[in-house]
PDB file of all heavy atoms in Angstrom:
ATOM      1  N   LEU A   1       0.818  -1.203   0.000  1.00  0.00           N
ATOM      2  CA  LEU A   1       0.000   0.000   0.000  1.00  0.00           C
ATOM      3  C   LEU A   1       0.851   1.252   0.000  1.00  0.00           C
ATOM      4  O   LEU A   1       0.358   2.348  -0.195  1.00  0.00           O
ATOM      5  CB  LEU A   1      -0.922   0.006   1.227  1.00  0.00           C
ATOM      6  CG  LEU A   1      -1.948  -1.131   1.296  1.00  0.00           C
ATOM      7  CD1 LEU A   1      -2.795  -0.964   2.546  1.00  0.00           C
ATOM      8  CD2 LEU A   1      -2.819  -1.147   0.057  1.00  0.00           C
ATOM      9  N   ILE A   2       2.169   1.118   0.282  1.00  0.00           N
ATOM     10  CA  ILE A   2       3.049   2.273   0.296  1.00  0.00           C
ATOM     11  C   ILE A   2       4.187   2.009  -0.670  1.00  0.00           C
ATOM     12  O   ILE A   2       5.345   2.212  -0.383  1.00  0.00           O
ATOM     13  CB  ILE A   2       3.589   2.525   1.714  1.00  0.00           C
ATOM     14  CG1 ILE A   2       2.494   2.326   2.740  1.00  0.00           C
ATOM     15  CG2 ILE A   2       4.128   3.938   1.841  1.00  0.00           C
ATOM     16  CD1 ILE A   2       2.949   2.526   4.154  1.00  0.00           C
ATOM     17  N   SER A   3       3.848   1.506  -1.839  1.00  0.00           N
ATOM     18  CA  SER A   3       4.858   1.188  -2.838  1.00  0.00           C
ATOM     19  C   SER A   3       5.609   2.441  -3.248  1.00  0.00           C
ATOM     20  O   SER A   3       5.053   3.523  -3.323  1.00  0.00           O
ATOM     21  CB  SER A   3       4.181   0.559  -4.061  1.00  0.00           C
ATOM     22  OG  SER A   3       5.096   0.418  -5.103  1.00  0.00           O
ATOM     23  N   ALA A   4       6.902   2.281  -3.492  1.00  0.00           N
ATOM     24  CA  ALA A   4       7.730   3.430  -3.869  1.00  0.00           C
ATOM     25  C   ALA A   4       7.708   3.692  -5.368  1.00  0.00           C
ATOM     26  O   ALA A   4       8.495   4.451  -5.887  1.00  0.00           O
ATOM     27  CB  ALA A   4       9.174   3.208  -3.407  1.00  0.00           C
ATOM     28  N   ASP A   5       6.784   3.038  -6.093  1.00  0.00           N
ATOM     29  CA  ASP A   5       6.704   3.278  -7.528  1.00  0.00           C
ATOM     30  C   ASP A   5       6.354   4.722  -7.794  1.00  0.00           C
ATOM     31  O   ASP A   5       5.558   5.334  -7.086  1.00  0.00           O
ATOM     32  CB  ASP A   5       5.635   2.367  -8.153  1.00  0.00           C
ATOM     33  CG  ASP A   5       6.034   0.894  -8.036  1.00  0.00           C
ATOM     34  OD1 ASP A   5       7.251   0.626  -7.915  1.00  0.00           O
ATOM     35  OD2 ASP A   5       5.138   0.052  -8.076  1.00  0.00           O
ATOM     36  N   ASN A   6       6.917   5.299  -8.846  1.00  0.00           N
ATOM     37  CA  ASN A   6       6.661   6.690  -9.166  1.00  0.00           C
ATOM     38  C   ASN A   6       5.295   6.883  -9.801  1.00  0.00           C
ATOM     39  O   ASN A   6       4.706   7.951  -9.718  1.00  0.00           O
ATOM     40  CB  ASN A   6       7.746   7.227 -10.101  1.00  0.00           C
ATOM     41  CG  ASN A   6       9.083   7.331  -9.398  1.00  0.00           C
ATOM     42  OD1 ASN A   6       9.148   7.615  -8.224  1.00  0.00           O
ATOM     43  ND2 ASN A   6      10.148   7.083 -10.144  1.00  0.00           N
ATOM     44  N   ASP A   7       4.778   5.862 -10.495  1.00  0.00           N
ATOM     45  CA  ASP A   7       3.497   5.981 -11.189  1.00  0.00           C
ATOM     46  C   ASP A   7       2.358   5.997 -10.186  1.00  0.00           C
ATOM     47  O   ASP A   7       2.321   5.203  -9.242  1.00  0.00           O
ATOM     48  CB  ASP A   7       3.308   4.812 -12.165  1.00  0.00           C
ATOM     49  CG  ASP A   7       4.359   4.820 -13.265  1.00  0.00           C
ATOM     50  OD1 ASP A   7       4.872   5.917 -13.550  1.00  0.00           O
ATOM     51  OD2 ASP A   7       4.651   3.742 -13.805  1.00  0.00           O
ATOM     52  N   LYS A   8       1.392   6.887 -10.418  1.00  0.00           N
ATOM     53  CA  LYS A   8       0.219   6.973  -9.566  1.00  0.00           C
ATOM     54  C   LYS A   8      -0.666   5.754  -9.777  1.00  0.00           C
ATOM     55  O   LYS A   8      -0.902   5.314 -10.896  1.00  0.00           O
ATOM     56  CB  LYS A   8      -0.570   8.252  -9.876  1.00  0.00           C
ATOM     57  CG  LYS A   8       0.071   9.515  -9.333  1.00  0.00           C
ATOM     58  CD  LYS A   8      -0.013   9.569  -7.821  1.00  0.00           C
ATOM     59  CE  LYS A   8       0.512  10.884  -7.301  1.00  0.00           C
ATOM     60  NZ  LYS A   8       0.502  10.956  -5.841  1.00  0.00           N
ATOM     61  N   LEU A   9      -1.175   5.222  -8.668  1.00  0.00           N
ATOM     62  CA  LEU A   9      -2.105   4.111  -8.720  1.00  0.00           C
ATOM     63  C   LEU A   9      -3.520   4.642  -8.645  1.00  0.00           C
ATOM     64  O   LEU A   9      -3.760   5.780  -8.257  1.00  0.00           O
ATOM     65  CB  LEU A   9      -1.847   3.161  -7.553  1.00  0.00           C
ATOM     66  CG  LEU A   9      -0.449   2.540  -7.447  1.00  0.00           C
ATOM     67  CD1 LEU A   9      -0.332   1.757  -6.156  1.00  0.00           C
ATOM     68  CD2 LEU A   9      -0.165   1.655  -8.635  1.00  0.00           C
ATOM     69  N   THR A  10      -4.482   3.803  -9.006  1.00  0.00           N
ATOM     70  CA  THR A  10      -5.883   4.137  -8.785  1.00  0.00           C
ATOM     71  C   THR A  10      -6.342   3.455  -7.507  1.00  0.00           C
ATOM     72  O   THR A  10      -5.686   2.526  -7.014  1.00  0.00           O
ATOM     73  CB  THR A  10      -6.752   3.668  -9.961  1.00  0.00           C
ATOM     74  OG1 THR A  10      -6.718   2.226 -10.023  1.00  0.00           O
ATOM     75  CG2 THR A  10      -6.230   4.236 -11.277  1.00  0.00           C
ATOM     76  N   VAL A  11      -7.461   3.926  -6.963  1.00  0.00           N
ATOM     77  CA  VAL A  11      -7.996   3.305  -5.746  1.00  0.00           C
ATOM     78  C   VAL A  11      -8.334   1.838  -6.015  1.00  0.00           C
ATOM     79  O   VAL A  11      -8.135   0.973  -5.160  1.00  0.00           O
ATOM     80  CB  VAL A  11      -9.239   4.073  -5.261  1.00  0.00           C
ATOM     81  CG1 VAL A  11      -9.884   3.371  -4.071  1.00  0.00           C
ATOM     82  CG2 VAL A  11      -8.869   5.506  -4.892  1.00  0.00           C
ATOM     83  N   LYS A  12      -8.794   1.541  -7.209  1.00  0.00           N
ATOM     84  CA  LYS A  12      -9.116   0.150  -7.544  1.00  0.00           C
ATOM     85  C   LYS A  12      -7.865  -0.721  -7.590  1.00  0.00           C
ATOM     86  O   LYS A  12      -7.896  -1.892  -7.201  1.00  0.00           O
ATOM     87  CB  LYS A  12      -9.850   0.090  -8.890  1.00  0.00           C
ATOM     88  CG  LYS A  12     -10.424  -1.293  -9.181  1.00  0.00           C
ATOM     89  CD  LYS A  12     -11.349  -1.272 -10.382  1.00  0.00           C
ATOM     90  CE  LYS A  12     -11.984  -2.649 -10.594  1.00  0.00           C
ATOM     91  NZ  LYS A  12     -12.928  -2.643 -11.733  1.00  0.00           N
ATOM     92  N   ASP A  13      -6.731  -0.144  -8.051  1.00  0.00           N
ATOM     93  CA  ASP A  13      -5.472  -0.895  -8.047  1.00  0.00           C
ATOM     94  C   ASP A  13      -5.096  -1.297  -6.620  1.00  0.00           C
ATOM     95  O   ASP A  13      -4.690  -2.434  -6.371  1.00  0.00           O
ATOM     96  CB  ASP A  13      -4.348  -0.037  -8.643  1.00  0.00           C
ATOM     97  CG  ASP A  13      -4.519   0.189 -10.132  1.00  0.00           C
ATOM     98  OD1 ASP A  13      -5.172  -0.639 -10.784  1.00  0.00           O
ATOM     99  OD2 ASP A  13      -4.025   1.215 -10.635  1.00  0.00           O
ATOM    100  N   VAL A  14      -5.231  -0.362  -5.697  1.00  0.00           N
ATOM    101  CA  VAL A  14      -4.903  -0.647  -4.301  1.00  0.00           C
ATOM    102  C   VAL A  14      -5.869  -1.678  -3.735  1.00  0.00           C
ATOM    103  O   VAL A  14      -5.471  -2.590  -3.009  1.00  0.00           O
ATOM    104  CB  VAL A  14      -4.936   0.648  -3.466  1.00  0.00           C
ATOM    105  CG1 VAL A  14      -4.663   0.349  -1.995  1.00  0.00           C
ATOM    106  CG2 VAL A  14      -3.928   1.651  -3.998  1.00  0.00           C
ATOM    107  N   PHE A  15      -7.151  -1.535  -4.066  1.00  0.00           N
ATOM    108  CA  PHE A  15      -8.161  -2.478  -3.579  1.00  0.00           C
ATOM    109  C   PHE A  15      -7.860  -3.890  -4.068  1.00  0.00           C
ATOM    110  O   PHE A  15      -7.914  -4.859  -3.291  1.00  0.00           O
ATOM    111  CB  PHE A  15      -9.542  -2.030  -4.052  1.00  0.00           C
ATOM    112  CG  PHE A  15     -10.630  -3.039  -3.791  1.00  0.00           C
ATOM    113  CD1 PHE A  15     -11.138  -3.199  -2.501  1.00  0.00           C
ATOM    114  CD2 PHE A  15     -11.138  -3.831  -4.807  1.00  0.00           C
ATOM    115  CE1 PHE A  15     -12.139  -4.125  -2.255  1.00  0.00           C
ATOM    116  CE2 PHE A  15     -12.126  -4.764  -4.571  1.00  0.00           C
ATOM    117  CZ  PHE A  15     -12.639  -4.906  -3.288  1.00  0.00           C
ATOM    118  N   ASN A  16      -7.518  -4.022  -5.334  1.00  0.00           N
ATOM    119  CA  ASN A  16      -7.219  -5.345  -5.882  1.00  0.00           C
ATOM    120  C   ASN A  16      -5.978  -5.953  -5.240  1.00  0.00           C
ATOM    121  O   ASN A  16      -5.896  -7.170  -5.051  1.00  0.00           O
ATOM    122  CB  ASN A  16      -7.027  -5.249  -7.395  1.00  0.00           C
ATOM    123  CG  ASN A  16      -8.323  -4.939  -8.119  1.00  0.00           C
ATOM    124  OD1 ASN A  16      -9.410  -5.276  -7.636  1.00  0.00           O
ATOM    125  ND2 ASN A  16      -8.226  -4.293  -9.279  1.00  0.00           N
ATOM    126  N   ALA A  17      -4.992  -5.106  -4.881  1.00  0.00           N
ATOM    127  CA  ALA A  17      -3.773  -5.616  -4.254  1.00  0.00           C
ATOM    128  C   ALA A  17      -4.010  -6.041  -2.822  1.00  0.00           C
ATOM    129  O   ALA A  17      -3.336  -6.942  -2.317  1.00  0.00           O
ATOM    130  CB  ALA A  17      -2.675  -4.538  -4.304  1.00  0.00           C
ATOM    131  N   ALA A  18      -4.985  -5.410  -2.153  1.00  0.00           N
ATOM    132  CA  ALA A  18      -5.180  -5.668  -0.718  1.00  0.00           C
ATOM    133  C   ALA A  18      -6.332  -6.616  -0.417  1.00  0.00           C
ATOM    134  O   ALA A  18      -6.425  -7.118   0.705  1.00  0.00           O
ATOM    135  CB  ALA A  18      -5.429  -4.352   0.017  1.00  0.00           C
ATOM    136  N   LYS A  19      -7.190  -6.895  -1.373  1.00  0.00           N
ATOM    137  CA  LYS A  19      -8.406  -7.655  -1.069  1.00  0.00           C
ATOM    138  C   LYS A  19      -8.140  -9.107  -0.704  1.00  0.00           C
ATOM    139  O   LYS A  19      -8.953  -9.742  -0.022  1.00  0.00           O
ATOM    140  CB  LYS A  19      -9.369  -7.598  -2.248  1.00  0.00           C
ATOM    141  CG  LYS A  19      -8.888  -8.321  -3.506  1.00  0.00           C
ATOM    142  CD  LYS A  19      -9.913  -8.199  -4.620  1.00  0.00           C
ATOM    143  CE  LYS A  19      -9.446  -8.926  -5.884  1.00  0.00           C
ATOM    144  NZ  LYS A  19     -10.452  -8.818  -6.976  1.00  0.00           N
ATOM    145  N   ASP A  20      -6.993  -9.636  -1.138  1.00  0.00           N
ATOM    146  CA  ASP A  20      -6.661 -11.027  -0.828  1.00  0.00           C
ATOM    147  C   ASP A  20      -5.894 -11.179   0.473  1.00  0.00           C
ATOM    148  O   ASP A  20      -5.499 -12.286   0.839  1.00  0.00           O
ATOM    149  CB  ASP A  20      -5.847 -11.645  -1.974  1.00  0.00           C
ATOM    150  CG  ASP A  20      -6.641 -11.702  -3.274  1.00  0.00           C
ATOM    151  OD1 ASP A  20      -7.878 -11.853  -3.186  1.00  0.00           O
ATOM    152  OD2 ASP A  20      -6.026 -11.583  -4.346  1.00  0.00           O
ATOM    153  N   THR A  21      -5.652 -10.066   1.180  1.00  0.00           N
ATOM    154  CA  THR A  21      -4.959 -10.145   2.459  1.00  0.00           C
ATOM    155  C   THR A  21      -5.826 -10.881   3.469  1.00  0.00           C
ATOM    156  O   THR A  21      -7.028 -10.622   3.583  1.00  0.00           O
ATOM    157  CB  THR A  21      -4.638  -8.727   2.978  1.00  0.00           C
ATOM    158  OG1 THR A  21      -3.909  -8.039   1.964  1.00  0.00           O
ATOM    159  CG2 THR A  21      -3.804  -8.782   4.246  1.00  0.00           C
ATOM    160  N   ASP A  22      -5.206 -11.797   4.222  1.00  0.00           N
ATOM    161  CA  ASP A  22      -5.964 -12.687   5.100  1.00  0.00           C
ATOM    162  C   ASP A  22      -6.733 -11.954   6.189  1.00  0.00           C
ATOM    163  O   ASP A  22      -7.858 -12.323   6.522  1.00  0.00           O
ATOM    164  CB  ASP A  22      -5.022 -13.718   5.737  1.00  0.00           C
ATOM    165  CG  ASP A  22      -4.456 -14.674   4.701  1.00  0.00           C
ATOM    166  OD1 ASP A  22      -5.097 -14.825   3.637  1.00  0.00           O
ATOM    167  OD2 ASP A  22      -3.378 -15.249   4.948  1.00  0.00           O
ATOM    168  N   ASN A  23      -6.119 -10.930   6.787  1.00  0.00           N
ATOM    169  CA  ASN A  23      -6.740 -10.308   7.959  1.00  0.00           C
ATOM    170  C   ASN A  23      -7.529  -9.055   7.614  1.00  0.00           C
ATOM    171  O   ASN A  23      -7.841  -8.266   8.487  1.00  0.00           O
ATOM    172  CB  ASN A  23      -5.670  -9.948   9.002  1.00  0.00           C
ATOM    173  CG  ASN A  23      -4.709  -8.902   8.494  1.00  0.00           C
ATOM    174  OD1 ASN A  23      -4.529  -8.772   7.299  1.00  0.00           O
ATOM    175  ND2 ASN A  23      -4.098  -8.164   9.410  1.00  0.00           N
ATOM    176  N   ILE A  24      -7.866  -8.851   6.332  1.00  0.00           N
ATOM    177  CA  ILE A  24      -8.629  -7.678   5.934  1.00  0.00           C
ATOM    178  C   ILE A  24      -9.817  -8.103   5.077  1.00  0.00           C
ATOM    179  O   ILE A  24      -9.670  -8.869   4.122  1.00  0.00           O
ATOM    180  CB  ILE A  24      -7.761  -6.678   5.143  1.00  0.00           C
ATOM    181  CG1 ILE A  24      -6.669  -6.109   6.032  1.00  0.00           C
ATOM    182  CG2 ILE A  24      -8.612  -5.538   4.596  1.00  0.00           C
ATOM    183  CD1 ILE A  24      -5.756  -5.133   5.317  1.00  0.00           C
ATOM    184  N   ILE A  25     -11.003  -7.622   5.458  1.00  0.00           N
ATOM    185  CA  ILE A  25     -12.196  -7.767   4.631  1.00  0.00           C
ATOM    186  C   ILE A  25     -12.478  -6.387   4.052  1.00  0.00           C
ATOM    187  O   ILE A  25     -12.552  -5.401   4.781  1.00  0.00           O
ATOM    188  CB  ILE A  25     -13.393  -8.250   5.470  1.00  0.00           C
ATOM    189  CG1 ILE A  25     -13.076  -9.597   6.133  1.00  0.00           C
ATOM    190  CG2 ILE A  25     -14.642  -8.370   4.601  1.00  0.00           C
ATOM    191  CD1 ILE A  25     -14.146 -10.060   7.089  1.00  0.00           C
ATOM    192  N   SER A  26     -12.641  -6.283   2.746  1.00  0.00           N
ATOM    193  CA  SER A  26     -12.819  -4.976   2.135  1.00  0.00           C
ATOM    194  C   SER A  26     -13.794  -5.060   0.983  1.00  0.00           C
ATOM    195  O   SER A  26     -14.068  -6.129   0.427  1.00  0.00           O
ATOM    196  CB  SER A  26     -11.469  -4.434   1.633  1.00  0.00           C
ATOM    197  OG  SER A  26     -10.904  -5.306   0.665  1.00  0.00           O
ATOM    198  N   ARG A  27     -14.328  -3.900   0.642  1.00  0.00           N
ATOM    199  CA  ARG A  27     -15.200  -3.773  -0.526  1.00  0.00           C
ATOM    200  C   ARG A  27     -15.043  -2.365  -1.079  1.00  0.00           C
ATOM    201  O   ARG A  27     -14.689  -1.432  -0.353  1.00  0.00           O
ATOM    202  CB  ARG A  27     -16.657  -4.075  -0.180  1.00  0.00           C
ATOM    203  CG  ARG A  27     -17.305  -3.020   0.698  1.00  0.00           C
ATOM    204  CD  ARG A  27     -18.761  -3.351   1.000  1.00  0.00           C
ATOM    205  NE  ARG A  27     -19.372  -2.320   1.844  1.00  0.00           N
ATOM    206  CZ  ARG A  27     -20.602  -2.408   2.342  1.00  0.00           C
ATOM    207  NH1 ARG A  27     -21.342  -3.481   2.117  1.00  0.00           N
ATOM    208  NH2 ARG A  27     -21.079  -1.430   3.086  1.00  0.00           N
ATOM    209  N   LEU A  28     -15.315  -2.213  -2.381  1.00  0.00           N
ATOM    210  CA  LEU A  28     -15.128  -0.940  -3.049  1.00  0.00           C
ATOM    211  C   LEU A  28     -16.421  -0.540  -3.739  1.00  0.00           C
ATOM    212  O   LEU A  28     -16.967  -1.293  -4.549  1.00  0.00           O
ATOM    213  CB  LEU A  28     -13.992  -1.034  -4.074  1.00  0.00           C
ATOM    214  CG  LEU A  28     -13.590   0.271  -4.764  1.00  0.00           C
ATOM    215  CD1 LEU A  28     -12.975   1.239  -3.757  1.00  0.00           C
ATOM    216  CD2 LEU A  28     -12.597  -0.009  -5.891  1.00  0.00           C
ATOM    217  N   ASP A  29     -16.927   0.649  -3.402  1.00  0.00           N
ATOM    218  CA  ASP A  29     -18.118   1.207  -4.043  1.00  0.00           C
ATOM    219  C   ASP A  29     -17.661   2.336  -4.964  1.00  0.00           C
ATOM    220  O   ASP A  29     -17.496   3.487  -4.543  1.00  0.00           O
ATOM    221  CB  ASP A  29     -19.087   1.729  -2.974  1.00  0.00           C
ATOM    222  CG  ASP A  29     -20.404   2.212  -3.567  1.00  0.00           C
ATOM    223  OD1 ASP A  29     -20.467   2.393  -4.803  1.00  0.00           O
ATOM    224  OD2 ASP A  29     -21.363   2.437  -2.792  1.00  0.00           O
ATOM    225  N   GLU A  30     -17.419   1.990  -6.228  1.00  0.00           N
ATOM    226  CA  GLU A  30     -16.887   2.974  -7.170  1.00  0.00           C
ATOM    227  C   GLU A  30     -17.915   4.032  -7.539  1.00  0.00           C
ATOM    228  O   GLU A  30     -17.547   5.176  -7.850  1.00  0.00           O
ATOM    229  CB  GLU A  30     -16.396   2.265  -8.434  1.00  0.00           C
ATOM    230  CG  GLU A  30     -15.219   1.330  -8.208  1.00  0.00           C
ATOM    231  CD  GLU A  30     -14.715   0.711  -9.486  1.00  0.00           C
ATOM    232  OE1 GLU A  30     -13.943   1.379 -10.193  1.00  0.00           O
ATOM    233  OE2 GLU A  30     -15.104  -0.435  -9.781  1.00  0.00           O
ATOM    234  N   GLU A  31     -19.185   3.694  -7.474  1.00  0.00           N
ATOM    235  CA  GLU A  31     -20.215   4.657  -7.850  1.00  0.00           C
ATOM    236  C   GLU A  31     -20.339   5.770  -6.809  1.00  0.00           C
ATOM    237  O   GLU A  31     -20.393   6.954  -7.143  1.00  0.00           O
ATOM    238  CB  GLU A  31     -21.563   3.940  -8.009  1.00  0.00           C
ATOM    239  CG  GLU A  31     -22.695   4.883  -8.406  1.00  0.00           C
ATOM    240  CD  GLU A  31     -24.011   4.146  -8.595  1.00  0.00           C
ATOM    241  OE1 GLU A  31     -24.029   2.898  -8.505  1.00  0.00           O
ATOM    242  OE2 GLU A  31     -25.030   4.825  -8.820  1.00  0.00           O
ATOM    243  N   ASN A  32     -20.367   5.394  -5.528  1.00  0.00           N
ATOM    244  CA  ASN A  32     -20.522   6.371  -4.452  1.00  0.00           C
ATOM    245  C   ASN A  32     -19.196   6.775  -3.817  1.00  0.00           C
ATOM    246  O   ASN A  32     -19.174   7.543  -2.853  1.00  0.00           O
ATOM    247  CB  ASN A  32     -21.451   5.810  -3.371  1.00  0.00           C
ATOM    248  CG  ASN A  32     -22.854   5.545  -3.893  1.00  0.00           C
ATOM    249  OD1 ASN A  32     -23.470   6.424  -4.482  1.00  0.00           O
ATOM    250  ND2 ASN A  32     -23.350   4.323  -3.693  1.00  0.00           N
ATOM    251  N   LYS A  33     -18.089   6.204  -4.323  1.00  0.00           N
ATOM    252  CA  LYS A  33     -16.749   6.572  -3.880  1.00  0.00           C
ATOM    253  C   LYS A  33     -16.512   6.231  -2.399  1.00  0.00           C
ATOM    254  O   LYS A  33     -16.122   7.071  -1.598  1.00  0.00           O
ATOM    255  CB  LYS A  33     -16.477   8.066  -4.106  1.00  0.00           C
ATOM    256  CG  LYS A  33     -16.663   8.539  -5.535  1.00  0.00           C
ATOM    257  CD  LYS A  33     -15.691   7.860  -6.481  1.00  0.00           C
ATOM    258  CE  LYS A  33     -15.837   8.381  -7.898  1.00  0.00           C
ATOM    259  NZ  LYS A  33     -14.925   7.711  -8.864  1.00  0.00           N
ATOM    260  N   PHE A  34     -16.745   4.962  -2.037  1.00  0.00           N
ATOM    261  CA  PHE A  34     -16.473   4.484  -0.687  1.00  0.00           C
ATOM    262  C   PHE A  34     -15.521   3.299  -0.740  1.00  0.00           C
ATOM    263  O   PHE A  34     -15.694   2.389  -1.553  1.00  0.00           O
ATOM    264  CB  PHE A  34     -17.758   4.050   0.029  1.00  0.00           C
ATOM    265  CG  PHE A  34     -18.638   5.192   0.447  1.00  0.00           C
ATOM    266  CD1 PHE A  34     -19.949   5.292  -0.008  1.00  0.00           C
ATOM    267  CD2 PHE A  34     -18.157   6.171   1.306  1.00  0.00           C
ATOM    268  CE1 PHE A  34     -20.759   6.344   0.379  1.00  0.00           C
ATOM    269  CE2 PHE A  34     -18.964   7.228   1.703  1.00  0.00           C
ATOM    270  CZ  PHE A  34     -20.266   7.314   1.233  1.00  0.00           C
ATOM    271  N   TYR A  35     -14.502   3.334   0.132  1.00  0.00           N
ATOM    272  CA  TYR A  35     -13.600   2.202   0.323  1.00  0.00           C
ATOM    273  C   TYR A  35     -13.844   1.703   1.746  1.00  0.00           C
ATOM    274  O   TYR A  35     -13.493   2.375   2.710  1.00  0.00           O
ATOM    275  CB  TYR A  35     -12.147   2.641   0.144  1.00  0.00           C
ATOM    276  CG  TYR A  35     -11.148   1.504   0.055  1.00  0.00           C
ATOM    277  CD1 TYR A  35     -10.266   1.405  -1.012  1.00  0.00           C
ATOM    278  CD2 TYR A  35     -11.069   0.545   1.059  1.00  0.00           C
ATOM    279  CE1 TYR A  35      -9.341   0.367  -1.093  1.00  0.00           C
ATOM    280  CE2 TYR A  35     -10.152  -0.491   0.980  1.00  0.00           C
ATOM    281  CZ  TYR A  35      -9.292  -0.574  -0.101  1.00  0.00           C
ATOM    282  OH  TYR A  35      -8.381  -1.601  -0.166  1.00  0.00           O
ATOM    283  N   ASP A  36     -14.462   0.542   1.859  1.00  0.00           N
ATOM    284  CA  ASP A  36     -14.853  -0.004   3.156  1.00  0.00           C
ATOM    285  C   ASP A  36     -13.890  -1.108   3.575  1.00  0.00           C
ATOM    286  O   ASP A  36     -13.536  -1.972   2.762  1.00  0.00           O
ATOM    287  CB  ASP A  36     -16.274  -0.580   3.100  1.00  0.00           C
ATOM    288  CG  ASP A  36     -17.308   0.482   2.750  1.00  0.00           C
ATOM    289  OD1 ASP A  36     -17.025   1.660   3.045  1.00  0.00           O
ATOM    290  OD2 ASP A  36     -18.361   0.137   2.196  1.00  0.00           O
ATOM    291  N   ILE A  37     -13.477  -1.094   4.840  1.00  0.00           N
ATOM    292  CA  ILE A  37     -12.601  -2.134   5.374  1.00  0.00           C
ATOM    293  C   ILE A  37     -13.126  -2.604   6.716  1.00  0.00           C
ATOM    294  O   ILE A  37     -13.802  -1.871   7.440  1.00  0.00           O
ATOM    295  CB  ILE A  37     -11.147  -1.644   5.536  1.00  0.00           C
ATOM    296  CG1 ILE A  37     -11.071  -0.480   6.531  1.00  0.00           C
ATOM    297  CG2 ILE A  37     -10.535  -1.260   4.211  1.00  0.00           C
ATOM    298  CD1 ILE A  37      -9.654  -0.082   6.859  1.00  0.00           C
ATOM    299  N   GLN A  38     -12.835  -3.858   7.006  1.00  0.00           N
ATOM    300  CA  GLN A  38     -13.191  -4.443   8.296  1.00  0.00           C
ATOM    301  C   GLN A  38     -12.182  -5.535   8.602  1.00  0.00           C
ATOM    302  O   GLN A  38     -12.176  -6.575   7.961  1.00  0.00           O
ATOM    303  CB  GLN A  38     -14.612  -5.016   8.264  1.00  0.00           C
ATOM    304  CG  GLN A  38     -15.011  -5.632   9.585  1.00  0.00           C
ATOM    305  CD  GLN A  38     -16.521  -5.796   9.692  1.00  0.00           C
ATOM    306  OE1 GLN A  38     -17.252  -5.546   8.759  1.00  0.00           O
ATOM    307  NE2 GLN A  38     -16.975  -6.233  10.837  1.00  0.00           N
ATOM    308  N   THR A  39     -11.288  -5.258   9.556  1.00  0.00           N
ATOM    309  CA  THR A  39     -10.278  -6.249   9.906  1.00  0.00           C
ATOM    310  C   THR A  39     -10.881  -7.309  10.799  1.00  0.00           C
ATOM    311  O   THR A  39     -11.795  -7.049  11.584  1.00  0.00           O
ATOM    312  CB  THR A  39      -9.098  -5.577  10.626  1.00  0.00           C
ATOM    313  OG1 THR A  39      -9.590  -4.849  11.737  1.00  0.00           O
ATOM    314  CG2 THR A  39      -8.369  -4.631   9.694  1.00  0.00           C
ATOM    315  N   THR A  40     -10.342  -8.511  10.702  1.00  0.00           N
ATOM    316  CA  THR A  40     -10.918  -9.631  11.448  1.00  0.00           C
ATOM    317  C   THR A  40     -10.740  -9.496  12.947  1.00  0.00           C
ATOM    318  O   THR A  40     -11.514 -10.055  13.711  1.00  0.00           O
ATOM    319  CB  THR A  40     -10.261 -10.951  10.989  1.00  0.00           C
ATOM    320  OG1 THR A  40      -8.835 -10.840  11.134  1.00  0.00           O
ATOM    321  CG2 THR A  40     -10.585 -11.234   9.548  1.00  0.00           C
TER     322      THR A  40
END
C-alpha cells in the first residue's frame, strides 16, 4: 500500500492488491466513492 513506484495508482489498483490479504475484509463502491474495510 506504500509502494515506492513513481506511477500513480488508482484506488481500484490498491483495492485489488489488498483484497486477498488474510486479515482484511474490504469492498469498493466505485459509484458512491467508498472504500470499506473491516479487519478480522
